[in-house]
Amino acid sequence: ITTTDLAGNAGNAADTEAYTVDTTAPAAPGVPDLDAGSDSGYLANDDLTNDTTPTFSGSAEANSTVSVYDGALLLGTTVANALGNWSFTSGVLAAGVHNISATATDAAGNLSAASAALAITIDTTAPALSSAVVNGATLTLDYDETLGAVVPAIGDFVVNVNAAPVVVSALNVVGDTVVLTLAAGVTNVDVVTV
């Protein structure tokens, strides 16, 4: 490059620089993942949580800006590291189903397609007892939802028959039902509290 002023004086050639024109969009990021520390569900990968500010992670083009979405709502951005790994903790999300996806923008401003979505469920309501049935030494408790991550222990239940404590000798949990075996039988005239 040479420069010339208004009087026609030409300057020396300037140093040359190489430029790269990048018009190629990055590949779509991988499907986001709910971090293990946020996944409080019964299974390690069930994407069920009671964390209203969950952390997500994933992979994208190295050093790209990753935008994280819940459906069409932008939750925020983070930057992928030199290996393309990223992590993002959302603001408060309401209870319910959320579809989390990501896009990547490279240094040249090229935007990728969206990743596939990860469906997570945020459940912040404890199970409620819906019915209790006593049959001899068996007390069956039904709840309004499947019991999961924290399976109750025998010591979690205090059973009284006619205001006197009764020992729980066994416990079985299946789905939304807890079956307690009592050390002593109960009659139909006894008052049982749990």
Protein backbone atom coordinates (compact mmCIF):
# COMPACT_ATOMS: atom_id res chain seq x y z
CA ILE A 1 0.00 0.00 0.00
CA THR A 2 1.32 3.44 -0.88
CA THR A 3 -0.11 6.76 0.17
CA THR A 4 -0.29 9.99 -1.80
CA ASP A 5 -1.11 13.39 -0.34
CA LEU A 6 -3.18 16.13 -2.04
CA ALA A 7 -0.05 17.67 -3.55
CA GLY A 8 0.83 14.40 -5.32
CA ASN A 9 3.67 13.32 -3.02
CA ALA A 10 3.83 9.53 -2.83
CA GLY A 11 4.88 7.91 0.41
CA ASN A 12 6.80 4.71 0.95
CA ALA A 13 5.02 1.42 0.69
CA ALA A 14 3.56 0.37 4.03
CA ASP A 15 4.19 -2.98 5.57
CA THR A 16 1.82 -5.58 4.26
CA GLU A 17 -0.50 -7.54 6.48
CA ALA A 18 -2.32 -10.77 5.76
CA TYR A 19 -6.03 -10.93 6.54
CA THR A 20 -8.22 -13.97 6.77
CA VAL A 21 -11.80 -13.59 5.70
CA ASP A 22 -13.98 -16.00 7.70
CA THR A 23 -17.55 -16.34 6.50
CA THR A 24 -18.06 -19.93 7.68
CA ALA A 25 -20.41 -20.47 10.58
CA PRO A 26 -19.23 -22.76 13.37
CA ALA A 27 -20.79 -26.20 13.67
CA ALA A 28 -23.81 -26.37 15.96
CA PRO A 29 -22.76 -27.00 19.58
CA GLY A 30 -23.35 -30.41 21.12
CA VAL A 31 -26.54 -30.95 23.11
CA PRO A 32 -26.18 -29.19 26.48
CA ASP A 33 -25.96 -31.40 29.54
CA LEU A 34 -27.33 -30.80 33.04
CA ASP A 35 -24.28 -30.93 35.32
CA ALA A 36 -24.20 -33.74 37.88
CA GLY A 37 -24.20 -31.19 40.70
CA SER A 38 -27.54 -29.84 39.47
CA ASP A 39 -29.16 -33.18 38.60
CA SER A 40 -30.91 -34.10 41.87
CA GLY A 41 -33.23 -36.70 40.32
CA TYR A 42 -33.35 -40.37 41.23
CA LEU A 43 -31.08 -41.34 38.33
CA ALA A 44 -27.80 -39.63 37.55
CA ASN A 45 -28.92 -38.73 34.03
CA ASP A 46 -32.70 -38.29 34.35
CA ASP A 47 -32.48 -34.48 33.88
CA LEU A 48 -34.81 -34.02 36.84
CA THR A 49 -33.78 -31.42 39.40
CA ASN A 50 -34.98 -29.30 42.30
CA ASP A 51 -32.22 -26.75 41.54
CA THR A 52 -33.85 -23.57 40.21
CA THR A 53 -30.46 -22.19 39.06
CA PRO A 54 -29.06 -25.24 37.28
CA THR A 55 -25.65 -25.44 35.66
CA PHE A 56 -25.28 -26.71 32.10
CA SER A 57 -22.19 -27.67 30.16
CA GLY A 58 -21.33 -28.68 26.64
CA SER A 59 -18.99 -28.38 23.71
CA ALA A 60 -18.74 -25.83 20.91
CA GLU A 61 -16.11 -24.32 18.63
CA ALA A 62 -13.01 -23.42 20.66
CA ASN A 63 -13.04 -19.85 22.01
CA SER A 64 -16.52 -19.17 20.62
CA THR A 65 -19.21 -17.25 22.49
CA VAL A 66 -21.94 -19.69 23.50
CA SER A 67 -25.51 -18.42 23.91
CA VAL A 68 -27.75 -20.62 26.06
CA TYR A 69 -31.51 -20.65 25.49
CA ASP A 70 -34.64 -21.96 27.17
CA GLY A 71 -36.81 -22.40 24.08
CA ALA A 72 -36.55 -18.99 22.36
CA LEU A 73 -35.58 -17.13 25.57
CA LEU A 74 -31.89 -16.22 25.85
CA LEU A 75 -30.69 -17.20 29.34
CA GLY A 76 -27.19 -15.78 28.88
CA THR A 77 -23.79 -16.32 27.32
CA THR A 78 -20.46 -17.87 28.20
CA VAL A 79 -17.20 -18.52 26.35
CA ALA A 80 -15.95 -21.94 25.29
CA ASN A 81 -12.37 -22.61 26.33
CA ALA A 82 -9.51 -23.54 23.98
CA LEU A 83 -10.77 -27.14 23.97
CA GLY A 84 -14.32 -26.05 23.17
CA ASN A 85 -15.75 -26.88 26.60
CA TRP A 86 -18.19 -24.47 28.26
CA SER A 87 -20.24 -24.19 31.44
CA PHE A 88 -23.14 -21.89 32.27
CA THR A 89 -25.25 -21.40 35.42
CA SER A 90 -28.69 -19.99 34.68
CA GLY A 91 -30.64 -17.42 36.60
CA VAL A 92 -33.73 -18.61 38.45
CA LEU A 93 -35.97 -20.89 36.37
CA ALA A 94 -39.56 -21.69 37.35
CA ALA A 95 -40.74 -25.19 38.17
CA GLY A 96 -41.71 -27.16 35.07
CA VAL A 97 -40.17 -28.36 31.81
CA HIS A 98 -37.40 -26.35 30.15
CA ASN A 99 -35.85 -27.00 26.72
CA ILE A 100 -32.21 -25.93 26.84
CA SER A 101 -30.23 -25.36 23.65
CA ALA A 102 -27.11 -23.44 22.61
CA THR A 103 -25.62 -21.56 19.67
CA ALA A 104 -21.99 -20.57 19.06
CA THR A 105 -20.65 -17.32 17.59
CA ASP A 106 -17.03 -17.33 16.39
CA ALA A 107 -14.55 -14.44 16.57
CA ALA A 108 -15.61 -13.25 13.10
CA GLY A 109 -19.24 -12.98 14.22
CA ASN A 110 -20.51 -16.05 12.36
CA LEU A 111 -23.48 -17.68 14.13
CA SER A 112 -23.99 -21.44 14.23
CA ALA A 113 -27.26 -23.30 14.00
CA ALA A 114 -28.83 -24.18 17.34
CA SER A 115 -27.94 -27.41 19.08
CA ALA A 116 -30.57 -30.02 19.73
CA ALA A 117 -32.48 -29.23 22.93
CA LEU A 118 -32.11 -30.89 26.31
CA ALA A 119 -35.44 -31.24 28.12
CA ILE A 120 -35.11 -30.86 31.88
CA THR A 121 -37.78 -30.82 34.56
CA ILE A 122 -37.51 -28.62 37.63
CA ASP A 123 -39.63 -30.00 40.48
CA THR A 124 -39.59 -27.97 43.69
CA THR A 125 -42.61 -29.56 45.39
CA ALA A 126 -42.18 -32.30 48.00
CA PRO A 127 -44.38 -35.38 47.63
CA ALA A 128 -47.67 -35.17 49.55
CA LEU A 129 -49.35 -38.09 51.30
CA SER A 130 -52.55 -38.93 49.43
CA SER A 131 -53.74 -41.98 51.40
CA ALA A 132 -52.82 -44.33 54.24
CA VAL A 133 -54.20 -47.84 54.74
CA VAL A 134 -53.56 -50.13 57.72
CA ASN A 135 -53.97 -53.88 57.38
CA GLY A 136 -52.80 -55.77 60.47
CA ALA A 137 -49.08 -55.05 60.82
CA THR A 138 -48.80 -53.39 57.39
CA LEU A 139 -49.16 -49.65 56.91
CA THR A 140 -49.32 -48.57 53.24
CA LEU A 141 -48.68 -44.91 52.42
CA ASP A 142 -49.47 -43.59 48.93
CA TYR A 143 -47.97 -40.29 47.74
CA ASP A 144 -49.00 -37.98 44.90
CA GLU A 145 -45.78 -38.58 42.94
CA THR A 146 -43.02 -41.14 42.53
CA LEU A 147 -40.46 -41.05 45.32
CA GLY A 148 -37.02 -40.79 43.89
CA ALA A 149 -33.65 -39.38 44.74
CA VAL A 150 -33.88 -39.65 48.50
CA VAL A 151 -35.45 -42.95 49.43
CA PRO A 152 -36.83 -42.72 52.97
CA ALA A 153 -35.29 -44.82 55.73
CA ILE A 154 -37.10 -46.64 58.52
CA GLY A 155 -36.05 -43.93 60.96
CA ASP A 156 -37.79 -41.29 58.83
CA PHE A 157 -41.17 -42.61 60.02
CA VAL A 158 -42.56 -42.24 63.53
CA VAL A 159 -45.67 -44.35 63.90
CA ASN A 160 -47.93 -44.09 66.93
CA VAL A 161 -50.83 -46.41 67.70
CA ASN A 162 -53.21 -44.98 70.29
CA ALA A 163 -50.57 -42.32 71.08
CA ALA A 164 -47.88 -44.94 71.85
CA PRO A 165 -44.86 -45.36 69.57
CA VAL A 166 -44.68 -48.55 67.51
CA VAL A 167 -41.44 -49.89 66.04
CA VAL A 168 -41.23 -49.99 62.25
CA SER A 169 -39.45 -53.27 61.46
CA ALA A 170 -39.29 -53.10 57.66
CA LEU A 171 -39.75 -50.62 54.84
CA ASN A 172 -40.35 -51.07 51.11
CA VAL A 173 -40.62 -48.26 48.56
CA VAL A 174 -42.06 -48.85 45.09
CA GLY A 175 -42.80 -45.82 42.93
CA ASP A 176 -45.20 -43.62 44.88
CA THR A 177 -45.97 -46.21 47.59
CA VAL A 178 -44.24 -46.83 50.92
CA VAL A 179 -45.09 -50.03 52.80
CA LEU A 180 -44.15 -50.12 56.48
CA THR A 181 -44.18 -53.32 58.47
CA LEU A 182 -45.00 -52.64 62.10
CA ALA A 183 -43.65 -54.70 65.00
CA ALA A 184 -47.21 -55.02 66.32
CA GLY A 185 -50.50 -55.45 64.50
CA VAL A 186 -53.19 -52.77 64.43
CA THR A 187 -56.94 -53.31 64.78
CA ASN A 188 -59.72 -51.37 63.12
CA VAL A 189 -60.44 -49.46 66.36
CA ASP A 190 -56.86 -48.24 66.89
CA VAL A 191 -55.83 -44.67 66.08
CA VAL A 192 -52.68 -44.58 63.95
CA THR A 193 -50.61 -41.46 63.33
CA VAL A 194 -47.52 -41.16 61.16
